Amino acid sequence: TSIEDNAPLSPGTYSFLSRRISQRVGEVARGFGRLSPKQRGQLFRDINQGIKQISGVDTRSQLREKHYEEVMTFIQDWEPSTATKTILRQYVAEAE
């Protein structure tokens, strides 16, 4: 099982994970109203940073099968950091 746990994510699983991250960022972004691509990028940085922290990898491409369930749960529960939320609210206020 150690070999299986340490196996890289299959391309299909990695693709599904990436789509789920995009979906979650989209769900959260709608709460802020209209965001620019740069602002949405801040949300992607925030969620990816969290994924790297909980799994102990340097990049998402280093995720292993053993990380999959924990990462999926994290994505489902993810909310941006207070700093990221504050920055996005500032952008929205400036745009109005």
PDB file of N, CA and C in Angstrom:
ATOM      1  N   THR A   1       0.812  -1.200   0.000  1.00  0.00           N
ATOM      2  CA  THR A   1       0.000   0.000   0.000  1.00  0.00           C
ATOM      3  C   THR A   1       0.854   1.262   0.000  1.00  0.00           C
ATOM      4  N   SER A   2       2.051   1.200   0.524  1.00  0.00           N
ATOM      5  CA  SER A   2       2.929   2.363   0.525  1.00  0.00           C
ATOM      6  C   SER A   2       3.234   2.804  -0.907  1.00  0.00           C
ATOM      7  N   ILE A   3       3.464   1.837  -1.772  1.00  0.00           N
ATOM      8  CA  ILE A   3       3.739   2.166  -3.180  1.00  0.00           C
ATOM      9  C   ILE A   3       2.505   2.806  -3.802  1.00  0.00           C
ATOM     10  N   GLU A   4       1.330   2.252  -3.524  1.00  0.00           N
ATOM     11  CA  GLU A   4       0.097   2.824  -4.067  1.00  0.00           C
ATOM     12  C   GLU A   4      -0.154   4.218  -3.502  1.00  0.00           C
ATOM     13  N   ASP A   5       0.045   4.397  -2.197  1.00  0.00           N
ATOM     14  CA  ASP A   5      -0.178   5.699  -1.565  1.00  0.00           C
ATOM     15  C   ASP A   5       0.741   6.776  -2.120  1.00  0.00           C
ATOM     16  N   ASN A   6       1.962   6.394  -2.461  1.00  0.00           N
ATOM     17  CA  ASN A   6       2.950   7.351  -2.965  1.00  0.00           C
ATOM     18  C   ASN A   6       2.950   7.487  -4.481  1.00  0.00           C
ATOM     19  N   ALA A   7       2.021   6.805  -5.140  1.00  0.00           N
ATOM     20  CA  ALA A   7       1.923   6.924  -6.596  1.00  0.00           C
ATOM     21  C   ALA A   7       1.413   8.320  -6.949  1.00  0.00           C
ATOM     22  N   PRO A   8       1.950   8.891  -8.020  1.00  0.00           N
ATOM     23  CA  PRO A   8       1.440  10.191  -8.471  1.00  0.00           C
ATOM     24  C   PRO A   8      -0.034  10.061  -8.852  1.00  0.00           C
ATOM     25  N   LEU A   9      -0.744  11.155  -8.783  1.00  0.00           N
ATOM     26  CA  LEU A   9      -2.132  11.144  -9.234  1.00  0.00           C
ATOM     27  C   LEU A   9      -2.175  10.828 -10.722  1.00  0.00           C
ATOM     28  N   SER A  10      -3.137  10.047 -11.132  1.00  0.00           N
ATOM     29  CA  SER A  10      -3.298   9.765 -12.561  1.00  0.00           C
ATOM     30  C   SER A  10      -3.691  11.066 -13.258  1.00  0.00           C
ATOM     31  N   PRO A  11      -3.440  11.166 -14.568  1.00  0.00           N
ATOM     32  CA  PRO A  11      -3.826  12.390 -15.287  1.00  0.00           C
ATOM     33  C   PRO A  11      -5.317  12.703 -15.148  1.00  0.00           C
ATOM     34  N   GLY A  12      -6.161  11.695 -15.174  1.00  0.00           N
ATOM     35  CA  GLY A  12      -7.598  11.922 -15.025  1.00  0.00           C
ATOM     36  C   GLY A  12      -7.953  12.448 -13.646  1.00  0.00           C
ATOM     37  N   THR A  13      -7.344  11.895 -12.618  1.00  0.00           N
ATOM     38  CA  THR A  13      -7.598  12.341 -11.246  1.00  0.00           C
ATOM     39  C   THR A  13      -7.079  13.758 -11.052  1.00  0.00           C
ATOM     40  N   TYR A  14      -5.893  14.035 -11.576  1.00  0.00           N
ATOM     41  CA  TYR A  14      -5.319  15.376 -11.465  1.00  0.00           C
ATOM     42  C   TYR A  14      -6.211  16.389 -12.184  1.00  0.00           C
ATOM     43  N   SER A  15      -6.715  16.018 -13.343  1.00  0.00           N
ATOM     44  CA  SER A  15      -7.598  16.893 -14.111  1.00  0.00           C
ATOM     45  C   SER A  15      -8.894  17.160 -13.337  1.00  0.00           C
ATOM     46  N   PHE A  16      -9.451  16.121 -12.729  1.00  0.00           N
ATOM     47  CA  PHE A  16     -10.666  16.281 -11.934  1.00  0.00           C
ATOM     48  C   PHE A  16     -10.408  17.220 -10.759  1.00  0.00           C
ATOM     49  N   LEU A  17      -9.294  17.036 -10.096  1.00  0.00           N
ATOM     50  CA  LEU A  17      -8.910  17.883  -8.970  1.00  0.00           C
ATOM     51  C   LEU A  17      -8.803  19.346  -9.422  1.00  0.00           C
ATOM     52  N   SER A  18      -8.177  19.576 -10.556  1.00  0.00           N
ATOM     53  CA  SER A  18      -8.029  20.936 -11.090  1.00  0.00           C
ATOM     54  C   SER A  18      -9.387  21.555 -11.403  1.00  0.00           C
ATOM     55  N   ARG A  19     -10.289  20.767 -11.986  1.00  0.00           N
ATOM     56  CA  ARG A  19     -11.634  21.276 -12.280  1.00  0.00           C
ATOM     57  C   ARG A  19     -12.377  21.618 -10.996  1.00  0.00           C
ATOM     58  N   ARG A  20     -12.215  20.783  -9.982  1.00  0.00           N
ATOM     59  CA  ARG A  20     -12.899  21.042  -8.702  1.00  0.00           C
ATOM     60  C   ARG A  20     -12.367  22.316  -8.049  1.00  0.00           C
ATOM     61  N   ILE A  21     -11.049  22.549  -8.171  1.00  0.00           N
ATOM     62  CA  ILE A  21     -10.469  23.795  -7.651  1.00  0.00           C
ATOM     63  C   ILE A  21     -11.075  24.989  -8.394  1.00  0.00           C
ATOM     64  N   SER A  22     -11.170  24.911  -9.699  1.00  0.00           N
ATOM     65  CA  SER A  22     -11.750  26.002 -10.490  1.00  0.00           C
ATOM     66  C   SER A  22     -13.206  26.243 -10.107  1.00  0.00           C
ATOM     67  N   GLN A  23     -13.949  25.171  -9.902  1.00  0.00           N
ATOM     68  CA  GLN A  23     -15.345  25.308  -9.497  1.00  0.00           C
ATOM     69  C   GLN A  23     -15.455  26.014  -8.147  1.00  0.00           C
ATOM     70  N   ARG A  24     -14.631  25.588  -7.200  1.00  0.00           N
ATOM     71  CA  ARG A  24     -14.700  26.174  -5.856  1.00  0.00           C
ATOM     72  C   ARG A  24     -14.309  27.639  -5.883  1.00  0.00           C
ATOM     73  N   VAL A  25     -13.268  27.974  -6.639  1.00  0.00           N
ATOM     74  CA  VAL A  25     -12.875  29.380  -6.764  1.00  0.00           C
ATOM     75  C   VAL A  25     -14.022  30.177  -7.382  1.00  0.00           C
ATOM     76  N   GLY A  26     -14.685  29.614  -8.383  1.00  0.00           N
ATOM     77  CA  GLY A  26     -15.829  30.284  -9.000  1.00  0.00           C
ATOM     78  C   GLY A  26     -16.954  30.515  -8.012  1.00  0.00           C
ATOM     79  N   GLU A  27     -17.234  29.518  -7.185  1.00  0.00           N
ATOM     80  CA  GLU A  27     -18.284  29.649  -6.162  1.00  0.00           C
ATOM     81  C   GLU A  27     -17.963  30.793  -5.210  1.00  0.00           C
ATOM     82  N   VAL A  28     -16.728  30.840  -4.747  1.00  0.00           N
ATOM     83  CA  VAL A  28     -16.312  31.878  -3.804  1.00  0.00           C
ATOM     84  C   VAL A  28     -16.283  33.243  -4.497  1.00  0.00           C
ATOM     85  N   ALA A  29     -15.800  33.284  -5.731  1.00  0.00           N
ATOM     86  CA  ALA A  29     -15.683  34.552  -6.460  1.00  0.00           C
ATOM     87  C   ALA A  29     -17.043  35.210  -6.665  1.00  0.00           C
ATOM     88  N   ARG A  30     -18.076  34.412  -6.888  1.00  0.00           N
ATOM     89  CA  ARG A  30     -19.415  34.987  -7.082  1.00  0.00           C
ATOM     90  C   ARG A  30     -19.862  35.804  -5.866  1.00  0.00           C
ATOM     91  N   GLY A  31     -19.381  35.447  -4.697  1.00  0.00           N
ATOM     92  CA  GLY A  31     -19.724  36.192  -3.496  1.00  0.00           C
ATOM     93  C   GLY A  31     -19.133  37.592  -3.459  1.00  0.00           C
ATOM     94  N   PHE A  32     -18.141  37.834  -4.288  1.00  0.00           N
ATOM     95  CA  PHE A  32     -17.501  39.152  -4.337  1.00  0.00           C
ATOM     96  C   PHE A  32     -18.028  40.011  -5.482  1.00  0.00           C
ATOM     97  N   GLY A  33     -18.854  39.444  -6.320  1.00  0.00           N
ATOM     98  CA  GLY A  33     -19.333  40.184  -7.486  1.00  0.00           C
ATOM     99  C   GLY A  33     -18.383  39.990  -8.653  1.00  0.00           C
ATOM    100  N   ARG A  34     -18.254  41.008  -9.442  1.00  0.00           N
ATOM    101  CA  ARG A  34     -17.434  40.922 -10.657  1.00  0.00           C
ATOM    102  C   ARG A  34     -15.954  41.104 -10.306  1.00  0.00           C
ATOM    103  N   LEU A  35     -15.153  40.063 -10.550  1.00  0.00           N
ATOM    104  CA  LEU A  35     -13.717  40.124 -10.292  1.00  0.00           C
ATOM    105  C   LEU A  35     -12.954  40.036 -11.599  1.00  0.00           C
ATOM    106  N   SER A  36     -11.837  40.720 -11.655  1.00  0.00           N
ATOM    107  CA  SER A  36     -10.965  40.649 -12.833  1.00  0.00           C
ATOM    108  C   SER A  36     -10.196  39.324 -12.794  1.00  0.00           C
ATOM    109  N   PRO A  37      -9.608  38.943 -13.916  1.00  0.00           N
ATOM    110  CA  PRO A  37      -8.776  37.731 -13.913  1.00  0.00           C
ATOM    111  C   PRO A  37      -7.649  37.802 -12.877  1.00  0.00           C
ATOM    112  N   LYS A  38      -7.080  38.978 -12.697  1.00  0.00           N
ATOM    113  CA  LYS A  38      -6.006  39.141 -11.698  1.00  0.00           C
ATOM    114  C   LYS A  38      -6.543  38.876 -10.290  1.00  0.00           C
ATOM    115  N   GLN A  39      -7.714  39.375 -10.000  1.00  0.00           N
ATOM    116  CA  GLN A  39      -8.319  39.172  -8.685  1.00  0.00           C
ATOM    117  C   GLN A  39      -8.682  37.700  -8.473  1.00  0.00           C
ATOM    118  N   ARG A  40      -9.208  37.053  -9.501  1.00  0.00           N
ATOM    119  CA  ARG A  40      -9.497  35.613  -9.404  1.00  0.00           C
ATOM    120  C   ARG A  40      -8.192  34.843  -9.192  1.00  0.00           C
ATOM    121  N   GLY A  41      -7.113  35.335  -9.793  1.00  0.00           N
ATOM    122  CA  GLY A  41      -5.802  34.716  -9.605  1.00  0.00           C
ATOM    123  C   GLY A  41      -5.388  34.712  -8.142  1.00  0.00           C
ATOM    124  N   GLN A  42      -5.782  35.754  -7.418  1.00  0.00           N
ATOM    125  CA  GLN A  42      -5.473  35.791  -5.985  1.00  0.00           C
ATOM    126  C   GLN A  42      -6.193  34.666  -5.250  1.00  0.00           C
ATOM    127  N   LEU A  43      -7.413  34.367  -5.669  1.00  0.00           N
ATOM    128  CA  LEU A  43      -8.145  33.248  -5.060  1.00  0.00           C
ATOM    129  C   LEU A  43      -7.462  31.924  -5.382  1.00  0.00           C
ATOM    130  N   PHE A  44      -7.013  31.768  -6.628  1.00  0.00           N
ATOM    131  CA  PHE A  44      -6.300  30.541  -6.994  1.00  0.00           C
ATOM    132  C   PHE A  44      -5.009  30.398  -6.187  1.00  0.00           C
ATOM    133  N   ARG A  45      -4.284  31.491  -6.003  1.00  0.00           N
ATOM    134  CA  ARG A  45      -3.055  31.429  -5.200  1.00  0.00           C
ATOM    135  C   ARG A  45      -3.375  31.008  -3.769  1.00  0.00           C
ATOM    136  N   ASP A  46      -4.450  31.554  -3.230  1.00  0.00           N
ATOM    137  CA  ASP A  46      -4.833  31.257  -1.857  1.00  0.00           C
ATOM    138  C   ASP A  46      -5.175  29.764  -1.690  1.00  0.00           C
ATOM    139  N   ILE A  47      -6.015  29.232  -2.567  1.00  0.00           N
ATOM    140  CA  ILE A  47      -6.402  27.825  -2.438  1.00  0.00           C
ATOM    141  C   ILE A  47      -5.210  26.903  -2.694  1.00  0.00           C
ATOM    142  N   ASN A  48      -4.390  27.235  -3.675  1.00  0.00           N
ATOM    143  CA  ASN A  48      -3.223  26.400  -3.957  1.00  0.00           C
ATOM    144  C   ASN A  48      -2.216  26.420  -2.814  1.00  0.00           C
ATOM    145  N   GLN A  49      -2.063  27.572  -2.182  1.00  0.00           N
ATOM    146  CA  GLN A  49      -1.162  27.656  -1.026  1.00  0.00           C
ATOM    147  C   GLN A  49      -1.651  26.729   0.080  1.00  0.00           C
ATOM    148  N   GLY A  50      -2.952  26.736   0.320  1.00  0.00           N
ATOM    149  CA  GLY A  50      -3.520  25.858   1.335  1.00  0.00           C
ATOM    150  C   GLY A  50      -3.320  24.387   1.009  1.00  0.00           C
ATOM    151  N   ILE A  51      -3.509  24.031  -0.243  1.00  0.00           N
ATOM    152  CA  ILE A  51      -3.312  22.638  -0.675  1.00  0.00           C
ATOM    153  C   ILE A  51      -1.867  22.226  -0.442  1.00  0.00           C
ATOM    154  N   LYS A  52      -0.944  23.091  -0.792  1.00  0.00           N
ATOM    155  CA  LYS A  52       0.473  22.770  -0.583  1.00  0.00           C
ATOM    156  C   LYS A  52       0.792  22.632   0.897  1.00  0.00           C
ATOM    157  N   GLN A  53       0.195  23.472   1.730  1.00  0.00           N
ATOM    158  CA  GLN A  53       0.455  23.403   3.170  1.00  0.00           C
ATOM    159  C   GLN A  53      -0.060  22.101   3.769  1.00  0.00           C
ATOM    160  N   ILE A  54      -1.279  21.712   3.435  1.00  0.00           N
ATOM    161  CA  ILE A  54      -1.833  20.515   4.082  1.00  0.00           C
ATOM    162  C   ILE A  54      -1.217  19.228   3.575  1.00  0.00           C
ATOM    163  N   SER A  55      -0.699  19.256   2.350  1.00  0.00           N
ATOM    164  CA  SER A  55      -0.127  18.028   1.786  1.00  0.00           C
ATOM    165  C   SER A  55       1.392  17.967   1.920  1.00  0.00           C
ATOM    166  N   GLY A  56       2.022  19.101   2.193  1.00  0.00           N
ATOM    167  CA  GLY A  56       3.475  19.113   2.347  1.00  0.00           C
ATOM    168  C   GLY A  56       4.237  19.014   1.038  1.00  0.00           C
ATOM    169  N   VAL A  57       3.616  19.451  -0.058  1.00  0.00           N
ATOM    170  CA  VAL A  57       4.303  19.433  -1.353  1.00  0.00           C
ATOM    171  C   VAL A  57       4.637  20.864  -1.759  1.00  0.00           C
ATOM    172  N   ASP A  58       5.561  20.989  -2.700  1.00  0.00           N
ATOM    173  CA  ASP A  58       5.952  22.312  -3.190  1.00  0.00           C
ATOM    174  C   ASP A  58       5.073  22.793  -4.336  1.00  0.00           C
ATOM    175  N   THR A  59       4.558  21.861  -5.126  1.00  0.00           N
ATOM    176  CA  THR A  59       3.673  22.194  -6.238  1.00  0.00           C
ATOM    177  C   THR A  59       2.557  21.161  -6.301  1.00  0.00           C
ATOM    178  N   ARG A  60       1.422  21.569  -6.870  1.00  0.00           N
ATOM    179  CA  ARG A  60       0.290  20.643  -6.977  1.00  0.00           C
ATOM    180  C   ARG A  60       0.638  19.395  -7.767  1.00  0.00           C
ATOM    181  N   SER A  61       1.543  19.517  -8.718  1.00  0.00           N
ATOM    182  CA  SER A  61       1.902  18.364  -9.544  1.00  0.00           C
ATOM    183  C   SER A  61       2.612  17.274  -8.739  1.00  0.00           C
ATOM    184  N   GLN A  62       3.039  17.596  -7.519  1.00  0.00           N
ATOM    185  CA  GLN A  62       3.694  16.603  -6.663  1.00  0.00           C
ATOM    186  C   GLN A  62       2.709  15.848  -5.770  1.00  0.00           C
ATOM    187  N   LEU A  63       1.423  16.151  -5.884  1.00  0.00           N
ATOM    188  CA  LEU A  63       0.431  15.452  -5.067  1.00  0.00           C
ATOM    189  C   LEU A  63       0.454  13.955  -5.371  1.00  0.00           C
ATOM    190  N   ARG A  64       0.202  13.170  -4.353  1.00  0.00           N
ATOM    191  CA  ARG A  64       0.179  11.714  -4.458  1.00  0.00           C
ATOM    192  C   ARG A  64      -1.211  11.196  -4.107  1.00  0.00           C
ATOM    193  N   GLU A  65      -1.447   9.948  -4.416  1.00  0.00           N
ATOM    194  CA  GLU A  65      -2.731   9.314  -4.114  1.00  0.00           C
ATOM    195  C   GLU A  65      -3.093   9.474  -2.640  1.00  0.00           C
ATOM    196  N   LYS A  66      -2.114   9.380  -1.763  1.00  0.00           N
ATOM    197  CA  LYS A  66      -2.383   9.480  -0.325  1.00  0.00           C
ATOM    198  C   LYS A  66      -2.933  10.852   0.072  1.00  0.00           C
ATOM    199  N   HIS A  67      -2.739  11.869  -0.758  1.00  0.00           N
ATOM    200  CA  HIS A  67      -3.213  13.215  -0.469  1.00  0.00           C
ATOM    201  C   HIS A  67      -4.633  13.473  -0.978  1.00  0.00           C
ATOM    202  N   TYR A  68      -5.099  12.642  -1.882  1.00  0.00           N
ATOM    203  CA  TYR A  68      -6.311  12.944  -2.644  1.00  0.00           C
ATOM    204  C   TYR A  68      -7.524  13.255  -1.764  1.00  0.00           C
ATOM    205  N   GLU A  69      -7.890  12.365  -0.867  1.00  0.00           N
ATOM    206  CA  GLU A  69      -9.096  12.555  -0.051  1.00  0.00           C
ATOM    207  C   GLU A  69      -8.996  13.810   0.812  1.00  0.00           C
ATOM    208  N   GLU A  70      -7.849  13.996   1.430  1.00  0.00           N
ATOM    209  CA  GLU A  70      -7.656  15.164   2.291  1.00  0.00           C
ATOM    210  C   GLU A  70      -7.732  16.459   1.479  1.00  0.00           C
ATOM    211  N   VAL A  71      -7.148  16.462   0.297  1.00  0.00           N
ATOM    212  CA  VAL A  71      -7.174  17.649  -0.555  1.00  0.00           C
ATOM    213  C   VAL A  71      -8.600  17.927  -1.043  1.00  0.00           C
ATOM    214  N   MET A  72      -9.335  16.891  -1.404  1.00  0.00           N
ATOM    215  CA  MET A  72     -10.715  17.088  -1.853  1.00  0.00           C
ATOM    216  C   MET A  72     -11.574  17.666  -0.722  1.00  0.00           C
ATOM    217  N   THR A  73     -11.386  17.199   0.487  1.00  0.00           N
ATOM    218  CA  THR A  73     -12.114  17.740   1.630  1.00  0.00           C
ATOM    219  C   THR A  73     -11.731  19.192   1.859  1.00  0.00           C
ATOM    220  N   PHE A  74     -10.438  19.491   1.750  1.00  0.00           N
ATOM    221  CA  PHE A  74      -9.975  20.870   1.906  1.00  0.00           C
ATOM    222  C   PHE A  74     -10.631  21.775   0.869  1.00  0.00           C
ATOM    223  N   ILE A  75     -10.673  21.344  -0.381  1.00  0.00           N
ATOM    224  CA  ILE A  75     -11.271  22.154  -1.447  1.00  0.00           C
ATOM    225  C   ILE A  75     -12.742  22.441  -1.130  1.00  0.00           C
ATOM    226  N   GLN A  76     -13.458  21.418  -0.708  1.00  0.00           N
ATOM    227  CA  GLN A  76     -14.873  21.578  -0.380  1.00  0.00           C
ATOM    228  C   GLN A  76     -15.072  22.608   0.736  1.00  0.00           C
ATOM    229  N   ASP A  77     -14.200  22.584   1.743  1.00  0.00           N
ATOM    230  CA  ASP A  77     -14.338  23.453   2.911  1.00  0.00           C
ATOM    231  C   ASP A  77     -13.635  24.796   2.761  1.00  0.00           C
ATOM    232  N   TRP A  78     -12.843  24.972   1.719  1.00  0.00           N
ATOM    233  CA  TRP A  78     -11.969  26.136   1.582  1.00  0.00           C
ATOM    234  C   TRP A  78     -12.734  27.453   1.544  1.00  0.00           C
ATOM    235  N   GLU A  79     -12.193  28.384   2.277  1.00  0.00           N
ATOM    236  CA  GLU A  79     -12.578  29.794   2.219  1.00  0.00           C
ATOM    237  C   GLU A  79     -11.271  30.577   2.137  1.00  0.00           C
ATOM    238  N   PRO A  80     -11.247  31.685   1.400  1.00  0.00           N
ATOM    239  CA  PRO A  80     -10.015  32.464   1.313  1.00  0.00           C
ATOM    240  C   PRO A  80      -9.598  33.007   2.679  1.00  0.00           C
ATOM    241  N   SER A  81      -8.321  33.283   2.804  1.00  0.00           N
ATOM    242  CA  SER A  81      -7.810  33.867   4.043  1.00  0.00           C
ATOM    243  C   SER A  81      -8.425  35.251   4.244  1.00  0.00           C
ATOM    244  N   THR A  82      -8.370  35.725   5.453  1.00  0.00           N
ATOM    245  CA  THR A  82      -8.891  37.058   5.774  1.00  0.00           C
ATOM    246  C   THR A  82      -8.158  38.121   4.954  1.00  0.00           C
ATOM    247  N   ALA A  83      -6.862  37.959   4.784  1.00  0.00           N
ATOM    248  CA  ALA A  83      -6.087  38.923   3.994  1.00  0.00           C
ATOM    249  C   ALA A  83      -6.582  38.950   2.548  1.00  0.00           C
ATOM    250  N   THR A  84      -6.782  37.794   1.952  1.00  0.00           N
ATOM    251  CA  THR A  84      -7.261  37.734   0.571  1.00  0.00           C
ATOM    252  C   THR A  84      -8.653  38.343   0.461  1.00  0.00           C
ATOM    253  N   LYS A  85      -9.533  38.032   1.398  1.00  0.00           N
ATOM    254  CA  LYS A  85     -10.884  38.608   1.377  1.00  0.00           C
ATOM    255  C   LYS A  85     -10.825  40.131   1.474  1.00  0.00           C
ATOM    256  N   THR A  86      -9.976  40.637   2.345  1.00  0.00           N
ATOM    257  CA  THR A  86      -9.860  42.083   2.523  1.00  0.00           C
ATOM    258  C   THR A  86      -9.373  42.754   1.248  1.00  0.00           C
ATOM    259  N   ILE A  87      -8.369  42.185   0.625  1.00  0.00           N
ATOM    260  CA  ILE A  87      -7.835  42.734  -0.630  1.00  0.00           C
ATOM    261  C   ILE A  87      -8.910  42.754  -1.705  1.00  0.00           C
ATOM    262  N   LEU A  88      -9.658  41.675  -1.827  1.00  0.00           N
ATOM    263  CA  LEU A  88     -10.703  41.614  -2.845  1.00  0.00           C
ATOM    264  C   LEU A  88     -11.825  42.613  -2.561  1.00  0.00           C
ATOM    265  N   ARG A  89     -12.172  42.773  -1.315  1.00  0.00           N
ATOM    266  CA  ARG A  89     -13.197  43.771  -0.958  1.00  0.00           C
ATOM    267  C   ARG A  89     -12.719  45.187  -1.298  1.00  0.00           C
ATOM    268  N   GLN A  90     -11.426  45.445  -1.095  1.00  0.00           N
ATOM    269  CA  GLN A  90     -10.868  46.749  -1.442  1.00  0.00           C
ATOM    270  C   GLN A  90     -10.978  46.997  -2.941  1.00  0.00           C
ATOM    271  N   TYR A  91     -10.675  45.975  -3.747  1.00  0.00           N
ATOM    272  CA  TYR A  91     -10.785  46.110  -5.203  1.00  0.00           C
ATOM    273  C   TYR A  91     -12.218  46.411  -5.606  1.00  0.00           C
ATOM    274  N   VAL A  92     -13.161  45.682  -5.003  1.00  0.00           N
ATOM    275  CA  VAL A  92     -14.574  45.867  -5.346  1.00  0.00           C
ATOM    276  C   VAL A  92     -15.020  47.275  -4.956  1.00  0.00           C
ATOM    277  N   ALA A  93     -14.599  47.747  -3.787  1.00  0.00           N
ATOM    278  CA  ALA A  93     -14.967  49.092  -3.333  1.00  0.00           C
ATOM    279  C   ALA A  93     -14.381  50.169  -4.264  1.00  0.00           C
ATOM    280  N   GLU A  94     -13.167  49.978  -4.723  1.00  0.00           N
ATOM    281  CA  GLU A  94     -12.521  50.935  -5.621  1.00  0.00           C
ATOM    282  C   GLU A  94     -13.217  50.981  -6.979  1.00  0.00           C
ATOM    283  N   ALA A  95     -13.742  49.834  -7.404  1.00  0.00           N
ATOM    284  CA  ALA A  95     -14.387  49.748  -8.713  1.00  0.00           C
ATOM    285  C   ALA A  95     -15.758  50.425  -8.728  1.00  0.00           C
ATOM    286  N   GLU A  96     -16.342  50.594  -7.550  1.00  0.00           N
ATOM    287  CA  GLU A  96     -17.685  51.182  -7.475  1.00  0.00           C
ATOM    288  C   GLU A  96     -17.662  52.672  -7.566  1.00  0.00           C
TER     289      GLU A  96
END
